[in-house]
C-alpha atoms as a PDB file:
ATOM      1  CA  UNK A   1      84.195 130.261 101.143  1.00  0.00           C
ATOM      2  CA  UNK A   2      80.697 130.817 102.495  1.00  0.00           C
ATOM      3  CA  UNK A   3      80.201 132.215 105.991  1.00  0.00           C
ATOM      4  CA  UNK A   4      77.215 133.217 108.103  1.00  0.00           C
ATOM      5  CA  UNK A   5      74.640 132.317 105.445  1.00  0.00           C
ATOM      6  CA  UNK A   6      71.192 131.862 106.948  1.00  0.00           C
ATOM      7  CA  UNK A   7      67.820 132.214 105.241  1.00  0.00           C
ATOM      8  CA  UNK A   8      64.564 130.359 104.693  1.00  0.00           C
ATOM      9  CA  UNK A   9      61.958 130.415 101.940  1.00  0.00           C
ATOM     10  CA  UNK A  10      58.509 128.877 101.665  1.00  0.00           C
ATOM     11  CA  UNK A  11      57.219 126.440  99.075  1.00  0.00           C
ATOM     12  CA  UNK A  12      56.399 128.269  95.856  1.00  0.00           C
ATOM     13  CA  UNK A  13      58.766 131.168  96.531  1.00  0.00           C
ATOM     14  CA  UNK A  14      61.213 132.338  93.870  1.00  0.00           C
ATOM     15  CA  UNK A  15      64.637 133.259  95.235  1.00  0.00           C
ATOM     16  CA  UNK A  16      67.164 135.150  93.115  1.00  0.00           C
ATOM     17  CA  UNK A  17      70.761 135.109  94.342  1.00  0.00           C
ATOM     18  CA  UNK A  18      72.521 138.270  93.168  1.00  0.00           C
ATOM     19  CA  UNK A  19      76.107 139.441  93.515  1.00  0.00           C
ATOM     20  CA  UNK A  20      79.342 140.154  91.637  1.00  0.00           C
ATOM     21  CA  UNK A  21      81.596 137.468  90.212  1.00  0.00           C
ATOM     22  CA  UNK A  22      83.317 135.581  93.007  1.00  0.00           C
ATOM     23  CA  UNK A  23      80.670 136.474  95.592  1.00  0.00           C
ATOM     24  CA  UNK A  24      79.874 132.796  96.252  1.00  0.00           C
ATOM     25  CA  UNK A  25      76.619 132.401  94.312  1.00  0.00           C
ATOM     26  CA  UNK A  26      77.545 129.130  92.596  1.00  0.00           C
ATOM     27  CA  UNK A  27      79.062 127.709  95.781  1.00  0.00           C
ATOM     28  CA  UNK A  28      75.848 128.475  97.648  1.00  0.00           C
ATOM     29  CA  UNK A  29      73.811 126.739  94.962  1.00  0.00           C
ATOM     30  CA  UNK A  30      76.087 123.680  95.182  1.00  0.00           C
ATOM     31  CA  UNK A  31      75.402 123.473  98.902  1.00  0.00           C
ATOM     32  CA  UNK A  32      71.663 123.752  98.286  1.00  0.00           C
ATOM     33  CA  UNK A  33      71.533 120.836  95.828  1.00  0.00           C
ATOM     34  CA  UNK A  34      74.118 118.800  97.764  1.00  0.00           C
ATOM     35  CA  UNK A  35      76.825 119.148  95.158  1.00  0.00           C
ATOM     36  CA  UNK A  36      79.128 119.947  98.057  1.00  0.00           C
ATOM     37  CA  UNK A  37      78.606 119.356 101.765  1.00  0.00           C
ATOM     38  CA  UNK A  38      78.835 122.374 104.071  1.00  0.00           C
ATOM     39  CA  UNK A  39      81.561 122.093 106.695  1.00  0.00           C
ATOM     40  CA  UNK A  40      79.159 123.624 109.207  1.00  0.00           C
ATOM     41  CA  UNK A  41      75.424 124.086 109.328  1.00  0.00           C
ATOM     42  CA  UNK A  42      72.753 122.281 107.356  1.00  0.00           C
ATOM     43  CA  UNK A  43      70.419 122.579 104.411  1.00  0.00           C
ATOM     44  CA  UNK A  44      66.863 121.492 105.161  1.00  0.00           C
ATOM     45  CA  UNK A  45      63.805 120.631 103.091  1.00  0.00           C
ATOM     46  CA  UNK A  46      60.606 120.713 105.148  1.00  0.00           C
ATOM     47  CA  UNK A  47      62.734 120.562 108.287  1.00  0.00           C
ATOM     48  CA  UNK A  48      64.688 117.488 107.185  1.00  0.00           C
ATOM     49  CA  UNK A  49      68.453 117.670 106.770  1.00  0.00           C
ATOM     50  CA  UNK A  50      69.323 116.936 103.130  1.00  0.00           C
ATOM     51  CA  UNK A  51      72.366 115.022 104.362  1.00  0.00           C
ATOM     52  CA  UNK A  52      69.975 112.374 105.718  1.00  0.00           C
ATOM     53  CA  UNK A  53      68.340 111.790 102.312  1.00  0.00           C
ATOM     54  CA  UNK A  54      69.530 109.297  99.716  1.00  0.00           C
ATOM     55  CA  UNK A  55      70.663 110.632  96.311  1.00  0.00           C
ATOM     56  CA  UNK A  56      67.461 109.273  94.752  1.00  0.00           C
ATOM     57  CA  UNK A  57      65.308 110.993  97.365  1.00  0.00           C
ATOM     58  CA  UNK A  58      67.088 114.277  96.713  1.00  0.00           C
ATOM     59  CA  UNK A  59      66.759 113.860  92.930  1.00  0.00           C
ATOM     60  CA  UNK A  60      63.017 113.279  93.246  1.00  0.00           C
ATOM     61  CA  UNK A  61      62.611 116.572  95.061  1.00  0.00           C
ATOM     62  CA  UNK A  62      65.327 118.819  93.615  1.00  0.00           C
ATOM     63  CA  UNK A  63      66.179 119.386  89.942  1.00  0.00           C
ATOM     64  CA  UNK A  64      69.271 121.319  88.884  1.00  0.00           C
ATOM     65  CA  UNK A  65      70.188 123.288  85.756  1.00  0.00           C
ATOM     66  CA  UNK A  66      73.879 124.197  85.721  1.00  0.00           C
ATOM     67  CA  UNK A  67      75.864 126.732  83.704  1.00  0.00           C
ATOM     68  CA  UNK A  68      78.197 124.042  82.377  1.00  0.00           C
ATOM     69  CA  UNK A  69      76.894 123.024  78.967  1.00  0.00           C
ATOM     70  CA  UNK A  70      77.543 119.442  77.763  1.00  0.00           C
ATOM     71  CA  UNK A  71      79.787 119.831  74.734  1.00  0.00           C
ATOM     72  CA  UNK A  72      78.717 116.820  72.704  1.00  0.00           C
ATOM     73  CA  UNK A  73      75.755 114.859  74.005  1.00  0.00           C
ATOM     74  CA  UNK A  74      75.250 111.938  71.541  1.00  0.00           C
ATOM     75  CA  UNK A  75      71.488 111.978  72.187  1.00  0.00           C
ATOM     76  CA  UNK A  76      68.392 113.544  70.723  1.00  0.00           C
ATOM     77  CA  UNK A  77      66.599 116.379  72.484  1.00  0.00           C
ATOM     78  CA  UNK A  78      63.854 113.955  73.505  1.00  0.00           C
ATOM     79  CA  UNK A  79      66.436 111.566  74.977  1.00  0.00           C
ATOM     80  CA  UNK A  80      68.022 114.355  77.023  1.00  0.00           C
ATOM     81  CA  UNK A  81      64.669 115.453  78.440  1.00  0.00           C
ATOM     82  CA  UNK A  82      63.766 111.840  79.265  1.00  0.00           C
ATOM     83  CA  UNK A  83      66.905 111.684  81.422  1.00  0.00           C
ATOM     84  CA  UNK A  84      65.012 113.845  83.872  1.00  0.00           C
ATOM     85  CA  UNK A  85      62.861 110.791  84.584  1.00  0.00           C
ATOM     86  CA  UNK A  86      65.794 108.642  85.802  1.00  0.00           C
ATOM     87  CA  UNK A  87      65.085 109.242  89.536  1.00  0.00           C
ATOM     88  CA  UNK A  88      61.625 107.731  89.026  1.00  0.00           C
ATOM     89  CA  UNK A  89      62.723 104.567  87.221  1.00  0.00           C
ATOM     90  CA  UNK A  90      62.483 101.283  89.069  1.00  0.00           C
ATOM     91  CA  UNK A  91      65.202  98.704  88.442  1.00  0.00           C
ATOM     92  CA  UNK A  92      66.125  98.163  84.808  1.00  0.00           C
ATOM     93  CA  UNK A  93      62.690  98.882  83.367  1.00  0.00           C
ATOM     94  CA  UNK A  94      62.433 101.030  80.259  1.00  0.00           C
ATOM     95  CA  UNK A  95      60.664 104.336  79.910  1.00  0.00           C
ATOM     96  CA  UNK A  96      57.008 104.162  80.902  1.00  0.00           C
ATOM     97  CA  UNK A  97      54.186 105.994  79.170  1.00  0.00           C
ATOM     98  CA  UNK A  98      54.122 108.390  82.118  1.00  0.00           C
ATOM     99  CA  UNK A  99      57.817 109.113  81.553  1.00  0.00           C
ATOM    100  CA  UNK A 100      57.194 109.862  77.898  1.00  0.00           C
ATOM    101  CA  UNK A 101      54.177 112.040  78.708  1.00  0.00           C
ATOM    102  CA  UNK A 102      56.151 114.045  81.290  1.00  0.00           C
ATOM    103  CA  UNK A 103      58.888 114.569  78.683  1.00  0.00           C
ATOM    104  CA  UNK A 104      56.371 115.654  76.019  1.00  0.00           C
ATOM    105  CA  UNK A 105      54.770 118.046  78.485  1.00  0.00           C
ATOM    106  CA  UNK A 106      58.138 119.618  79.353  1.00  0.00           C
ATOM    107  CA  UNK A 107      59.114 119.890  75.671  1.00  0.00           C
ATOM    108  CA  UNK A 108      55.831 121.633  74.940  1.00  0.00           C
ATOM    109  CA  UNK A 109      56.315 124.084  77.806  1.00  0.00           C
ATOM    110  CA  UNK A 110      59.704 125.132  76.429  1.00  0.00           C
ATOM    111  CA  UNK A 111      58.511 125.239  72.796  1.00  0.00           C
ATOM    112  CA  UNK A 112      60.820 122.370  71.876  1.00  0.00           C
ATOM    113  CA  UNK A 113      58.496 119.791  70.342  1.00  0.00           C
ATOM    114  CA  UNK A 114      59.700 120.650  66.843  1.00  0.00           C
ATOM    115  CA  UNK A 115      63.281 119.894  67.948  1.00  0.00           C
ATOM    116  CA  UNK A 116      62.529 116.611  69.733  1.00  0.00           C
ATOM    117  CA  UNK A 117      64.306 114.451  67.120  1.00  0.00           C
ATOM    118  CA  UNK A 118      67.270 116.771  66.644  1.00  0.00           C
ATOM    119  CA  UNK A 119      70.680 115.806  67.995  1.00  0.00           C
ATOM    120  CA  UNK A 120      71.383 117.836  71.126  1.00  0.00           C
ATOM    121  CA  UNK A 121      74.913 118.588  69.886  1.00  0.00           C
ATOM    122  CA  UNK A 122      73.549 120.418  66.804  1.00  0.00           C
ATOM    123  CA  UNK A 123      71.575 122.980  68.803  1.00  0.00           C
ATOM    124  CA  UNK A 124      72.534 126.566  69.540  1.00  0.00           C
ATOM    125  CA  UNK A 125      73.583 127.535  73.052  1.00  0.00           C
ATOM    126  CA  UNK A 126      70.176 129.028  73.781  1.00  0.00           C
ATOM    127  CA  UNK A 127      68.352 125.950  72.497  1.00  0.00           C
ATOM    128  CA  UNK A 128      70.553 123.683  74.607  1.00  0.00           C
ATOM    129  CA  UNK A 129      69.764 125.750  77.697  1.00  0.00           C
ATOM    130  CA  UNK A 130      66.035 125.421  77.067  1.00  0.00           C
ATOM    131  CA  UNK A 131      66.430 121.645  76.681  1.00  0.00           C
ATOM    132  CA  UNK A 132      68.208 121.418  80.042  1.00  0.00           C
ATOM    133  CA  UNK A 133      65.420 123.406  81.690  1.00  0.00           C
ATOM    134  CA  UNK A 134      62.904 121.031  80.081  1.00  0.00           C
ATOM    135  CA  UNK A 135      64.865 118.076  81.477  1.00  0.00           C
ATOM    136  CA  UNK A 136      64.582 119.610  84.952  1.00  0.00           C
ATOM    137  CA  UNK A 137      60.822 120.054  84.568  1.00  0.00           C
ATOM    138  CA  UNK A 138      60.415 116.446  83.366  1.00  0.00           C
ATOM    139  CA  UNK A 139      61.996 115.405  86.658  1.00  0.00           C
ATOM    140  CA  UNK A 140      58.746 116.599  88.286  1.00  0.00           C
ATOM    141  CA  UNK A 141      60.551 118.138  91.272  1.00  0.00           C
ATOM    142  CA  UNK A 142      59.356 120.327  94.131  1.00  0.00           C
ATOM    143  CA  UNK A 143      62.396 122.592  93.868  1.00  0.00           C
ATOM    144  CA  UNK A 144      64.323 123.757  90.800  1.00  0.00           C
ATOM    145  CA  UNK A 145      67.808 125.225  91.260  1.00  0.00           C
ATOM    146  CA  UNK A 146      69.286 127.093  88.304  1.00  0.00           C
ATOM    147  CA  UNK A 147      72.735 128.629  87.889  1.00  0.00           C
ATOM    148  CA  UNK A 148      72.393 131.628  85.566  1.00  0.00           C
ATOM    149  CA  UNK A 149      69.632 130.074  83.401  1.00  0.00           C
ATOM    150  CA  UNK A 150      69.428 133.097  81.083  1.00  0.00           C
ATOM    151  CA  UNK A 151      73.151 133.264  80.235  1.00  0.00           C
ATOM    152  CA  UNK A 152      72.932 131.719  76.750  1.00  0.00           C
ATOM    153  CA  UNK A 153      69.528 133.081  75.809  1.00  0.00           C
ATOM    154  CA  UNK A 154      68.441 136.035  73.723  1.00  0.00           C
ATOM    155  CA  UNK A 155      66.197 138.638  75.340  1.00  0.00           C
ATOM    156  CA  UNK A 156      62.933 137.042  74.235  1.00  0.00           C
ATOM    157  CA  UNK A 157      63.860 133.592  75.539  1.00  0.00           C
ATOM    158  CA  UNK A 158      65.207 135.067  78.779  1.00  0.00           C
ATOM    159  CA  UNK A 159      61.819 136.624  79.432  1.00  0.00           C
ATOM    160  CA  UNK A 160      59.931 133.532  78.278  1.00  0.00           C
ATOM    161  CA  UNK A 161      61.835 131.111  80.532  1.00  0.00           C
ATOM    162  CA  UNK A 162      61.542 133.312  83.605  1.00  0.00           C
ATOM    163  CA  UNK A 163      57.845 133.884  82.880  1.00  0.00           C
ATOM    164  CA  UNK A 164      57.376 130.116  82.582  1.00  0.00           C
ATOM    165  CA  UNK A 165      59.223 129.434  85.828  1.00  0.00           C
ATOM    166  CA  UNK A 166      57.092 132.061  87.572  1.00  0.00           C
ATOM    167  CA  UNK A 167      53.892 130.227  86.599  1.00  0.00           C
ATOM    168  CA  UNK A 168      55.003 126.850  87.947  1.00  0.00           C
ATOM    169  CA  UNK A 169      53.884 125.670  91.353  1.00  0.00           C
ATOM    170  CA  UNK A 170      57.476 125.042  92.314  1.00  0.00           C
ATOM    171  CA  UNK A 171      60.074 126.569  94.568  1.00  0.00           C
ATOM    172  CA  UNK A 172      62.676 128.252  92.367  1.00  0.00           C
ATOM    173  CA  UNK A 173      66.206 129.160  93.453  1.00  0.00           C
ATOM    174  CA  UNK A 174      68.390 130.791  90.828  1.00  0.00           C
ATOM    175  CA  UNK A 175      71.450 132.973  90.471  1.00  0.00           C
ATOM    176  CA  UNK A 176      70.988 135.905  88.124  1.00  0.00           C
ATOM    177  CA  UNK A 177      73.408 138.546  86.879  1.00  0.00           C
ATOM    178  CA  UNK A 178      70.717 140.797  85.457  1.00  0.00           C
ATOM    179  CA  UNK A 179      69.431 142.994  88.290  1.00  0.00           C
ATOM    180  CA  UNK A 180      66.310 144.029  86.389  1.00  0.00           C
ATOM    181  CA  UNK A 181      65.373 140.426  85.615  1.00  0.00           C
ATOM    182  CA  UNK A 182      65.919 139.485  89.261  1.00  0.00           C
ATOM    183  CA  UNK A 183      63.767 142.382  90.478  1.00  0.00           C
ATOM    184  CA  UNK A 184      60.891 141.424  88.168  1.00  0.00           C
ATOM    185  CA  UNK A 185      61.109 137.655  88.656  1.00  0.00           C
ATOM    186  CA  UNK A 186      61.876 137.003  92.311  1.00  0.00           C
ATOM    187  CA  UNK A 187      59.684 137.018  95.387  1.00  0.00           C
ATOM    188  CA  UNK A 188      62.891 137.100  97.472  1.00  0.00           C
ATOM    189  CA  UNK A 189      66.448 138.234  96.777  1.00  0.00           C
ATOM    190  CA  UNK A 190      69.665 137.216  98.529  1.00  0.00           C
ATOM    191  CA  UNK A 191      72.381 139.792  97.908  1.00  0.00           C
ATOM    192  CA  UNK A 192      75.876 138.292  98.226  1.00  0.00           C
ATOM    193  CA  UNK A 193      79.353 139.690  98.642  1.00  0.00           C
ATOM    194  CA  UNK A 194      82.590 137.907  99.617  1.00  0.00           C
ATOM    195  CA  UNK A 195      80.861 134.673 100.565  1.00  0.00           C
ATOM    196  CA  UNK A 196      78.230 136.284 102.777  1.00  0.00           C
ATOM    197  CA  UNK A 197      74.563 137.127 102.315  1.00  0.00           C
ATOM    198  CA  UNK A 198      74.544 140.850 103.048  1.00  0.00           C
ATOM    199  CA  UNK A 199      70.798 141.330 102.555  1.00  0.00           C
ATOM    200  CA  UNK A 200      67.778 139.074 102.181  1.00  0.00           C
ATOM    201  CA  UNK A 201      64.146 139.892 101.597  1.00  0.00           C
ATOM    202  CA  UNK A 202      61.680 141.333  99.102  1.00  0.00           C
ATOM    203  CA  UNK A 203      63.324 142.697  95.931  1.00  0.00           C
ATOM    204  CA  UNK A 204      62.129 146.252  96.637  1.00  0.00           C
ATOM    205  CA  UNK A 205      63.782 146.161 100.053  1.00  0.00           C
ATOM    206  CA  UNK A 206      67.041 144.471  98.991  1.00  0.00           C
ATOM    207  CA  UNK A 207      67.722 145.869  95.526  1.00  0.00           C
ATOM    208  CA  UNK A 208      68.161 149.514  96.445  1.00  0.00           C
ATOM    209  CA  UNK A 209      70.321 152.077  94.669  1.00  0.00           C
ATOM    210  CA  UNK A 210      72.665 152.216  97.657  1.00  0.00           C
ATOM    211  CA  UNK A 211      73.022 148.430  98.041  1.00  0.00           C
ATOM    212  CA  UNK A 212      73.599 147.756  94.343  1.00  0.00           C
ATOM    213  CA  UNK A 213      76.089 150.609  94.061  1.00  0.00           C
ATOM    214  CA  UNK A 214      78.058 149.329  97.042  1.00  0.00           C
ATOM    215  CA  UNK A 215      78.115 145.660  96.053  1.00  0.00           C
ATOM    216  CA  UNK A 216      79.030 146.160  92.390  1.00  0.00           C
ATOM    217  CA  UNK A 217      81.126 149.326  92.611  1.00  0.00           C
ATOM    218  CA  UNK A 218      78.947 151.265  90.184  1.00  0.00           C
ATOM    219  CA  UNK A 219      76.452 154.099  90.313  1.00  0.00           C
ATOM    220  CA  UNK A 220      73.012 152.459  90.274  1.00  0.00           C
ATOM    221  CA  UNK A 221      69.843 154.459  89.730  1.00  0.00           C
ATOM    222  CA  UNK A 222      66.304 153.113  89.770  1.00  0.00           C
ATOM    223  CA  UNK A 223      63.737 154.816  87.567  1.00  0.00           C
ATOM    224  CA  UNK A 224      60.079 154.248  88.326  1.00  0.00           C
ATOM    225  CA  UNK A 225      57.706 154.837  85.449  1.00  0.00           C
ATOM    226  CA  UNK A 226      54.774 157.190  85.919  1.00  0.00           C
ATOM    227  CA  UNK A 227      51.444 155.409  86.189  1.00  0.00           C
ATOM    228  CA  UNK A 228      53.116 152.006  86.458  1.00  0.00           C
ATOM    229  CA  UNK A 229      54.362 149.768  89.251  1.00  0.00           C
ATOM    230  CA  UNK A 230      57.366 148.718  87.167  1.00  0.00           C
ATOM    231  CA  UNK A 231      60.837 150.210  87.329  1.00  0.00           C
ATOM    232  CA  UNK A 232      64.284 149.718  85.829  1.00  0.00           C
ATOM    233  CA  UNK A 233      67.819 150.102  87.102  1.00  0.00           C
ATOM    234  CA  UNK A 234      70.423 151.897  85.055  1.00  0.00           C
ATOM    235  CA  UNK A 235      74.151 151.770  85.790  1.00  0.00           C
ATOM    236  CA  UNK A 236      77.227 153.857  85.194  1.00  0.00           C
ATOM    237  CA  UNK A 237      80.832 153.798  86.353  1.00  0.00           C
ATOM    238  CA  UNK A 238      81.693 156.015  89.244  1.00  0.00           C
ATOM    239  CA  UNK A 239      83.991 158.865  88.248  1.00  0.00           C
ATOM    240  CA  UNK A 240      87.494 158.580  89.696  1.00  0.00           C
END
C-alpha cells in the first residue's frame, strides 16, 4: 500500500524509482499510468487529473512498458510495434502511411529493422524487451513509463536503451534495480521503502551511501574517479 507519496517532475525530466523488492515501485507506476486508481489523492498531467481523461486521451499521452512479457504473441515484430499506433486510429480504418513511418522510425531507433518480419514469439527475452520499448515510442507519447526496462537485457543493450531514452524529448518515469544505472540515467530519483517515498531529488542528493545502506540493508560505498565526474557504487553485506 502506498502512503504519503507526493512529488512533481517537469516535462523532459527522467525519474528513476529505486527501492528494494516490495517497496511499492510497481504499484506507484500503476497509479501513474492509471492501471489502478488511488484511493486518495490524484495524478495530474499539466494540472489535469488523469481520472478526468478518457482511456484514449491517456494512451495518446502516456506509453507503458511493463515487466510482464507476452509469452506467445502470434504477430511479427513490425505488427507488435504498429500496435503502438492504436490510440491514433480513427474508426475501423487500416494503418496509415504515418503509422507505418512511426513504426519504422521506432524500429530503427532500437536497431530492430532486421527483425521486423520475425515472429515476436521467436525472439530472445532481450529482443522482446526492445520491441516493447519500440512499440511505446511508436505511440508518440509525451510520457513513457517503464517497469524495470533493463531486466532482460545484456549490459550493452541496457546502456543503449537508457542512452536512447535520455536523448528523447520525452518525460521518462522508470523503476530501476541497478543503482549505478539509475544514478547515471536519471535527472531525479524517488527512493522508496515500505510504500513511501523516503527521499526525492537529484541523484547525487538522494543516492547517498547512508541512504542506500539503510534502504537495502547493505554496506554501500560510492567511489568517485579521479579527474572524472563519474562514480560507481559498490556493495557488500554487513557483518553480523
